[in-house]
């Protein structure tokens, strides 16, 4: 496991939990980590993390239109 430290100016109104959520949701959105790993990074349950993804404008499911069309065709 890697530990990362950030130095953020006092004028930035962010708490540690906010930063963990931002980092977790960004890594999840980019496909670098799973939903469970992102939730763990944020210190949340998978369910709570998934519910909060909407506030970060991150979709829970990363399907393209062609993926959905293919799934619908095969169903």
PDB file of N, CA and C in Angstrom:
ATOM      1  N   UNK A   1       0.845  -1.179   0.000  1.00  0.00           N
ATOM      2  CA  UNK A   1       0.000   0.000   0.000  1.00  0.00           C
ATOM      3  C   UNK A   1       0.889   1.239   0.000  1.00  0.00           C
ATOM      4  N   UNK A   2       0.474   2.242  -0.715  1.00  0.00           N
ATOM      5  CA  UNK A   2       1.231   3.484  -0.828  1.00  0.00           C
ATOM      6  C   UNK A   2       0.539   4.564   0.003  1.00  0.00           C
ATOM      7  N   UNK A   3       1.318   5.385   0.672  1.00  0.00           N
ATOM      8  CA  UNK A   3       0.799   6.527   1.417  1.00  0.00           C
ATOM      9  C   UNK A   3       1.185   7.794   0.673  1.00  0.00           C
ATOM     10  N   UNK A   4       0.214   8.677   0.505  1.00  0.00           N
ATOM     11  CA  UNK A   4       0.440   9.925  -0.205  1.00  0.00           C
ATOM     12  C   UNK A   4       0.071  11.071   0.731  1.00  0.00           C
ATOM     13  N   UNK A   5       0.901  12.091   0.758  1.00  0.00           N
ATOM     14  CA  UNK A   5       0.637  13.278   1.577  1.00  0.00           C
ATOM     15  C   UNK A   5       0.391  14.470   0.668  1.00  0.00           C
ATOM     16  N   UNK A   6      -0.554  15.307   1.060  1.00  0.00           N
ATOM     17  CA  UNK A   6      -0.879  16.516   0.313  1.00  0.00           C
ATOM     18  C   UNK A   6      -0.650  17.726   1.200  1.00  0.00           C
ATOM     19  N   UNK A   7      -0.185  18.798   0.606  1.00  0.00           N
ATOM     20  CA  UNK A   7      -0.115  20.079   1.294  1.00  0.00           C
ATOM     21  C   UNK A   7      -1.115  20.993   0.608  1.00  0.00           C
ATOM     22  N   UNK A   8      -2.117  21.391   1.349  1.00  0.00           N
ATOM     23  CA  UNK A   8      -3.172  22.230   0.797  1.00  0.00           C
ATOM     24  C   UNK A   8      -3.241  23.507   1.625  1.00  0.00           C
ATOM     25  N   UNK A   9      -3.322  24.631   0.937  1.00  0.00           N
ATOM     26  CA  UNK A   9      -3.382  25.906   1.639  1.00  0.00           C
ATOM     27  C   UNK A   9      -4.607  25.966   2.542  1.00  0.00           C
ATOM     28  N   UNK A  10      -4.453  26.662   3.633  1.00  0.00           N
ATOM     29  CA  UNK A  10      -5.520  26.779   4.616  1.00  0.00           C
ATOM     30  C   UNK A  10      -6.768  27.409   4.010  1.00  0.00           C
ATOM     31  N   UNK A  11      -6.603  28.209   2.979  1.00  0.00           N
ATOM     32  CA  UNK A  11      -7.748  28.878   2.369  1.00  0.00           C
ATOM     33  C   UNK A  11      -8.660  27.925   1.605  1.00  0.00           C
ATOM     34  N   UNK A  12      -8.185  26.729   1.305  1.00  0.00           N
ATOM     35  CA  UNK A  12      -9.007  25.732   0.626  1.00  0.00           C
ATOM     36  C   UNK A  12      -9.857  25.035   1.689  1.00  0.00           C
ATOM     37  N   UNK A  13     -11.159  25.121   1.536  1.00  0.00           N
ATOM     38  CA  UNK A  13     -12.077  24.583   2.543  1.00  0.00           C
ATOM     39  C   UNK A  13     -12.415  23.119   2.243  1.00  0.00           C
ATOM     40  N   UNK A  14     -11.450  22.237   2.501  1.00  0.00           N
ATOM     41  CA  UNK A  14     -11.648  20.806   2.290  1.00  0.00           C
ATOM     42  C   UNK A  14     -11.213  20.044   3.538  1.00  0.00           C
ATOM     43  N   UNK A  15     -11.989  19.048   3.871  1.00  0.00           N
ATOM     44  CA  UNK A  15     -11.633  18.154   4.973  1.00  0.00           C
ATOM     45  C   UNK A  15     -10.953  16.916   4.395  1.00  0.00           C
ATOM     46  N   UNK A  16     -10.265  16.165   5.231  1.00  0.00           N
ATOM     47  CA  UNK A  16      -9.592  14.946   4.785  1.00  0.00           C
ATOM     48  C   UNK A  16     -10.561  13.994   4.092  1.00  0.00           C
ATOM     49  N   UNK A  17     -11.780  13.874   4.630  1.00  0.00           N
ATOM     50  CA  UNK A  17     -12.785  12.982   4.027  1.00  0.00           C
ATOM     51  C   UNK A  17     -13.172  13.457   2.624  1.00  0.00           C
ATOM     52  N   UNK A  18     -13.252  14.783   2.447  1.00  0.00           N
ATOM     53  CA  UNK A  18     -13.575  15.327   1.122  1.00  0.00           C
ATOM     54  C   UNK A  18     -12.489  14.965   0.117  1.00  0.00           C
ATOM     55  N   UNK A  19     -11.246  15.123   0.528  1.00  0.00           N
ATOM     56  CA  UNK A  19     -10.122  14.813  -0.357  1.00  0.00           C
ATOM     57  C   UNK A  19     -10.106  13.329  -0.695  1.00  0.00           C
ATOM     58  N   UNK A  20     -10.340  12.484   0.301  1.00  0.00           N
ATOM     59  CA  UNK A  20     -10.375  11.038   0.060  1.00  0.00           C
ATOM     60  C   UNK A  20     -11.489  10.679  -0.914  1.00  0.00           C
ATOM     61  N   UNK A  21     -12.639  11.341  -0.807  1.00  0.00           N
ATOM     62  CA  UNK A  21     -13.763  11.080  -1.719  1.00  0.00           C
ATOM     63  C   UNK A  21     -13.418  11.539  -3.135  1.00  0.00           C
ATOM     64  N   UNK A  22     -12.792  12.687  -3.252  1.00  0.00           N
ATOM     65  CA  UNK A  22     -12.414  13.207  -4.566  1.00  0.00           C
ATOM     66  C   UNK A  22     -11.402  12.278  -5.240  1.00  0.00           C
ATOM     67  N   UNK A  23     -10.396  11.873  -4.499  1.00  0.00           N
ATOM     68  CA  UNK A  23      -9.374  10.987  -5.060  1.00  0.00           C
ATOM     69  C   UNK A  23      -9.990   9.630  -5.413  1.00  0.00           C
ATOM     70  N   UNK A  24     -10.761   9.065  -4.504  1.00  0.00           N
ATOM     71  CA  UNK A  24     -11.386   7.764  -4.755  1.00  0.00           C
ATOM     72  C   UNK A  24     -12.314   7.790  -5.958  1.00  0.00           C
ATOM     73  N   UNK A  25     -13.161   8.819  -6.035  1.00  0.00           N
ATOM     74  CA  UNK A  25     -14.105   8.892  -7.155  1.00  0.00           C
ATOM     75  C   UNK A  25     -13.392   9.133  -8.479  1.00  0.00           C
ATOM     76  N   UNK A  26     -12.328   9.912  -8.459  1.00  0.00           N
ATOM     77  CA  UNK A  26     -11.574  10.170  -9.687  1.00  0.00           C
ATOM     78  C   UNK A  26     -10.882   8.902 -10.185  1.00  0.00           C
ATOM     79  N   UNK A  27     -10.243   8.174  -9.274  1.00  0.00           N
ATOM     80  CA  UNK A  27      -9.576   6.930  -9.664  1.00  0.00           C
ATOM     81  C   UNK A  27     -10.585   5.895 -10.148  1.00  0.00           C
ATOM     82  N   UNK A  28     -11.756   5.848  -9.504  1.00  0.00           N
ATOM     83  CA  UNK A  28     -12.812   4.925  -9.940  1.00  0.00           C
ATOM     84  C   UNK A  28     -13.309   5.305 -11.334  1.00  0.00           C
ATOM     85  N   UNK A  29     -13.556   6.601 -11.542  1.00  0.00           N
ATOM     86  CA  UNK A  29     -14.052   7.075 -12.845  1.00  0.00           C
ATOM     87  C   UNK A  29     -13.075   6.745 -13.965  1.00  0.00           C
ATOM     88  N   UNK A  30     -11.779   6.832 -13.683  1.00  0.00           N
ATOM     89  CA  UNK A  30     -10.753   6.541 -14.686  1.00  0.00           C
ATOM     90  C   UNK A  30     -10.508   5.044 -14.848  1.00  0.00           C
ATOM     91  N   UNK A  31     -11.175   4.220 -14.029  1.00  0.00           N
ATOM     92  CA  UNK A  31     -11.022   2.775 -14.136  1.00  0.00           C
ATOM     93  C   UNK A  31      -9.743   2.239 -13.522  1.00  0.00           C
ATOM     94  N   UNK A  32      -9.104   3.029 -12.684  1.00  0.00           N
ATOM     95  CA  UNK A  32      -7.842   2.616 -12.059  1.00  0.00           C
ATOM     96  C   UNK A  32      -8.062   1.712 -10.850  1.00  0.00           C
ATOM     97  N   UNK A  33      -9.192   1.887 -10.164  1.00  0.00           N
ATOM     98  CA  UNK A  33      -9.515   1.058  -9.003  1.00  0.00           C
ATOM     99  C   UNK A  33     -10.984   0.671  -9.062  1.00  0.00           C
ATOM    100  N   UNK A  34     -11.332  -0.380  -8.331  1.00  0.00           N
ATOM    101  CA  UNK A  34     -12.710  -0.866  -8.311  1.00  0.00           C
ATOM    102  C   UNK A  34     -13.562  -0.002  -7.377  1.00  0.00           C
ATOM    103  N   UNK A  35     -14.859  -0.206  -7.430  1.00  0.00           N
ATOM    104  CA  UNK A  35     -15.783   0.495  -6.544  1.00  0.00           C
ATOM    105  C   UNK A  35     -15.434   0.208  -5.086  1.00  0.00           C
ATOM    106  N   UNK A  36     -15.156  -1.051  -4.780  1.00  0.00           N
ATOM    107  CA  UNK A  36     -14.807  -1.425  -3.412  1.00  0.00           C
ATOM    108  C   UNK A  36     -13.512  -0.778  -2.944  1.00  0.00           C
ATOM    109  N   UNK A  37     -12.520  -0.733  -3.825  1.00  0.00           N
ATOM    110  CA  UNK A  37     -11.250  -0.095  -3.469  1.00  0.00           C
ATOM    111  C   UNK A  37     -11.433   1.405  -3.265  1.00  0.00           C
ATOM    112  N   UNK A  38     -12.226   2.027  -4.113  1.00  0.00           N
ATOM    113  CA  UNK A  38     -12.484   3.459  -3.982  1.00  0.00           C
ATOM    114  C   UNK A  38     -13.232   3.759  -2.687  1.00  0.00           C
ATOM    115  N   UNK A  39     -14.198   2.917  -2.361  1.00  0.00           N
ATOM    116  CA  UNK A  39     -14.945   3.096  -1.113  1.00  0.00           C
ATOM    117  C   UNK A  39     -14.022   2.965   0.089  1.00  0.00           C
ATOM    118  N   UNK A  40     -13.152   1.983   0.048  1.00  0.00           N
ATOM    119  CA  UNK A  40     -12.192   1.782   1.143  1.00  0.00           C
ATOM    120  C   UNK A  40     -11.267   2.990   1.268  1.00  0.00           C
ATOM    121  N   UNK A  41     -10.794   3.503   0.143  1.00  0.00           N
ATOM    122  CA  UNK A  41      -9.925   4.675   0.156  1.00  0.00           C
ATOM    123  C   UNK A  41     -10.638   5.861   0.805  1.00  0.00           C
ATOM    124  N   UNK A  42     -11.928   6.007   0.514  1.00  0.00           N
ATOM    125  CA  UNK A  42     -12.718   7.106   1.060  1.00  0.00           C
ATOM    126  C   UNK A  42     -13.173   6.849   2.489  1.00  0.00           C
ATOM    127  N   UNK A  43     -12.950   5.627   2.977  1.00  0.00           N
ATOM    128  CA  UNK A  43     -13.358   5.296   4.337  1.00  0.00           C
ATOM    129  C   UNK A  43     -14.856   5.102   4.479  1.00  0.00           C
ATOM    130  N   UNK A  44     -15.484   4.613   3.401  1.00  0.00           N
ATOM    131  CA  UNK A  44     -16.929   4.439   3.366  1.00  0.00           C
ATOM    132  C   UNK A  44     -17.283   3.009   2.979  1.00  0.00           C
ATOM    133  N   UNK A  45     -18.531   2.647   3.205  1.00  0.00           N
ATOM    134  CA  UNK A  45     -19.015   1.366   2.694  1.00  0.00           C
ATOM    135  C   UNK A  45     -19.223   1.512   1.193  1.00  0.00           C
ATOM    136  N   UNK A  46     -19.272   0.386   0.495  1.00  0.00           N
ATOM    137  CA  UNK A  46     -19.505   0.432  -0.956  1.00  0.00           C
ATOM    138  C   UNK A  46     -20.828   1.114  -1.268  1.00  0.00           C
ATOM    139  N   UNK A  47     -21.833   0.806  -0.479  1.00  0.00           N
ATOM    140  CA  UNK A  47     -23.163   1.380  -0.727  1.00  0.00           C
ATOM    141  C   UNK A  47     -23.148   2.900  -0.554  1.00  0.00           C
ATOM    142  N   UNK A  48     -22.577   3.369   0.533  1.00  0.00           N
ATOM    143  CA  UNK A  48     -22.519   4.809   0.786  1.00  0.00           C
ATOM    144  C   UNK A  48     -21.695   5.512  -0.275  1.00  0.00           C
ATOM    145  N   UNK A  49     -20.553   4.912  -0.625  1.00  0.00           N
ATOM    146  CA  UNK A  49     -19.701   5.500  -1.658  1.00  0.00           C
ATOM    147  C   UNK A  49     -20.453   5.592  -2.977  1.00  0.00           C
ATOM    148  N   UNK A  50     -21.133   4.522  -3.362  1.00  0.00           N
ATOM    149  CA  UNK A  50     -21.887   4.506  -4.620  1.00  0.00           C
ATOM    150  C   UNK A  50     -22.964   5.588  -4.614  1.00  0.00           C
ATOM    151  N   UNK A  51     -23.625   5.776  -3.476  1.00  0.00           N
ATOM    152  CA  UNK A  51     -24.652   6.808  -3.377  1.00  0.00           C
ATOM    153  C   UNK A  51     -24.059   8.210  -3.510  1.00  0.00           C
ATOM    154  N   UNK A  52     -22.850   8.407  -3.004  1.00  0.00           N
ATOM    155  CA  UNK A  52     -22.214   9.721  -3.050  1.00  0.00           C
ATOM    156  C   UNK A  52     -21.549  10.029  -4.386  1.00  0.00           C
ATOM    157  N   UNK A  53     -21.367   9.024  -5.222  1.00  0.00           N
ATOM    158  CA  UNK A  53     -20.740   9.265  -6.528  1.00  0.00           C
ATOM    159  C   UNK A  53     -21.520  10.284  -7.351  1.00  0.00           C
ATOM    160  N   UNK A  54     -22.819  10.298  -7.190  1.00  0.00           N
ATOM    161  CA  UNK A  54     -23.645  11.254  -7.925  1.00  0.00           C
ATOM    162  C   UNK A  54     -23.266  12.697  -7.634  1.00  0.00           C
ATOM    163  N   UNK A  55     -22.896  12.983  -6.384  1.00  0.00           N
ATOM    164  CA  UNK A  55     -22.481  14.341  -6.018  1.00  0.00           C
ATOM    165  C   UNK A  55     -21.186  14.740  -6.716  1.00  0.00           C
ATOM    166  N   UNK A  56     -20.381  13.750  -7.066  1.00  0.00           N
ATOM    167  CA  UNK A  56     -19.120  14.012  -7.781  1.00  0.00           C
ATOM    168  C   UNK A  56     -19.309  13.890  -9.286  1.00  0.00           C
ATOM    169  N   UNK A  57     -20.566  13.686  -9.704  1.00  0.00           N
ATOM    170  CA  UNK A  57     -20.912  13.515 -11.118  1.00  0.00           C
ATOM    171  C   UNK A  57     -20.150  12.367 -11.768  1.00  0.00           C
ATOM    172  N   UNK A  58     -20.051  11.275 -11.019  1.00  0.00           N
ATOM    173  CA  UNK A  58     -19.386  10.070 -11.513  1.00  0.00           C
ATOM    174  C   UNK A  58     -20.443   8.974 -11.650  1.00  0.00           C
ATOM    175  N   UNK A  59     -20.611   8.419 -12.853  1.00  0.00           N
ATOM    176  CA  UNK A  59     -21.592   7.337 -13.017  1.00  0.00           C
ATOM    177  C   UNK A  59     -21.113   6.065 -12.326  1.00  0.00           C
ATOM    178  N   UNK A  60     -22.053   5.331 -11.770  1.00  0.00           N
ATOM    179  CA  UNK A  60     -21.714   4.066 -11.107  1.00  0.00           C
ATOM    180  C   UNK A  60     -21.337   3.023 -12.153  1.00  0.00           C
ATOM    181  N   UNK A  61     -22.045   3.033 -13.264  1.00  0.00           N
ATOM    182  CA  UNK A  61     -21.791   2.082 -14.336  1.00  0.00           C
ATOM    183  C   UNK A  61     -21.116   2.797 -15.488  1.00  0.00           C
ATOM    184  N   UNK A  62     -20.026   2.257 -15.947  1.00  0.00           N
ATOM    185  CA  UNK A  62     -19.270   2.873 -17.037  1.00  0.00           C
ATOM    186  C   UNK A  62     -19.507   2.120 -18.341  1.00  0.00           C
ATOM    187  N   UNK A  63     -20.742   2.160 -18.821  1.00  0.00           N
ATOM    188  CA  UNK A  63     -21.082   1.502 -20.074  1.00  0.00           C
ATOM    189  C   UNK A  63     -21.157   2.531 -21.183  1.00  0.00           C
ATOM    190  N   UNK A  64     -20.647   2.181 -22.345  1.00  0.00           N
ATOM    191  CA  UNK A  64     -20.830   3.019 -23.524  1.00  0.00           C
ATOM    192  C   UNK A  64     -22.156   2.639 -24.171  1.00  0.00           C
ATOM    193  N   UNK A  65     -22.618   3.462 -25.079  1.00  0.00           N
ATOM    194  CA  UNK A  65     -23.866   3.148 -25.777  1.00  0.00           C
ATOM    195  C   UNK A  65     -23.738   1.854 -26.567  1.00  0.00           C
ATOM    196  N   UNK A  66     -22.569   1.606 -27.152  1.00  0.00           N
ATOM    197  CA  UNK A  66     -22.387   0.373 -27.916  1.00  0.00           C
ATOM    198  C   UNK A  66     -22.392  -0.845 -26.996  1.00  0.00           C
ATOM    199  N   UNK A  67     -21.853  -0.704 -25.776  1.00  0.00           N
ATOM    200  CA  UNK A  67     -21.918  -1.801 -24.801  1.00  0.00           C
ATOM    201  C   UNK A  67     -23.370  -2.126 -24.456  1.00  0.00           C
ATOM    202  N   UNK A  68     -24.149  -1.088 -24.207  1.00  0.00           N
ATOM    203  CA  UNK A  68     -25.561  -1.290 -23.856  1.00  0.00           C
ATOM    204  C   UNK A  68     -26.325  -1.908 -25.019  1.00  0.00           C
ATOM    205  N   UNK A  69     -26.050  -1.433 -26.227  1.00  0.00           N
ATOM    206  CA  UNK A  69     -26.734  -1.993 -27.401  1.00  0.00           C
ATOM    207  C   UNK A  69     -26.386  -3.463 -27.576  1.00  0.00           C
ATOM    208  N   UNK A  70     -25.110  -3.793 -27.391  1.00  0.00           N
ATOM    209  CA  UNK A  70     -24.694  -5.193 -27.504  1.00  0.00           C
ATOM    210  C   UNK A  70     -25.324  -6.061 -26.442  1.00  0.00           C
ATOM    211  N   UNK A  71     -25.409  -5.554 -25.210  1.00  0.00           N
ATOM    212  CA  UNK A  71     -26.045  -6.308 -24.131  1.00  0.00           C
ATOM    213  C   UNK A  71     -27.527  -6.521 -24.404  1.00  0.00           C
ATOM    214  N   UNK A  72     -28.188  -5.475 -24.899  1.00  0.00           N
ATOM    215  CA  UNK A  72     -29.611  -5.577 -25.195  1.00  0.00           C
ATOM    216  C   UNK A  72     -29.859  -6.561 -26.320  1.00  0.00           C
ATOM    217  N   UNK A  73     -28.967  -6.583 -27.299  1.00  0.00           N
ATOM    218  CA  UNK A  73     -29.110  -7.479 -28.448  1.00  0.00           C
ATOM    219  C   UNK A  73     -28.945  -8.936 -28.024  1.00  0.00           C
ATOM    220  N   UNK A  74     -28.043  -9.174 -27.078  1.00  0.00           N
ATOM    221  CA  UNK A  74     -27.743 -10.543 -26.620  1.00  0.00           C
ATOM    222  C   UNK A  74     -28.711 -11.039 -25.558  1.00  0.00           C
ATOM    223  N   UNK A  75     -29.578 -10.175 -25.061  1.00  0.00           N
ATOM    224  CA  UNK A  75     -30.495 -10.576 -23.979  1.00  0.00           C
ATOM    225  C   UNK A  75     -31.682 -11.321 -24.499  1.00  0.00           C
TER     226      UNK A  75
END
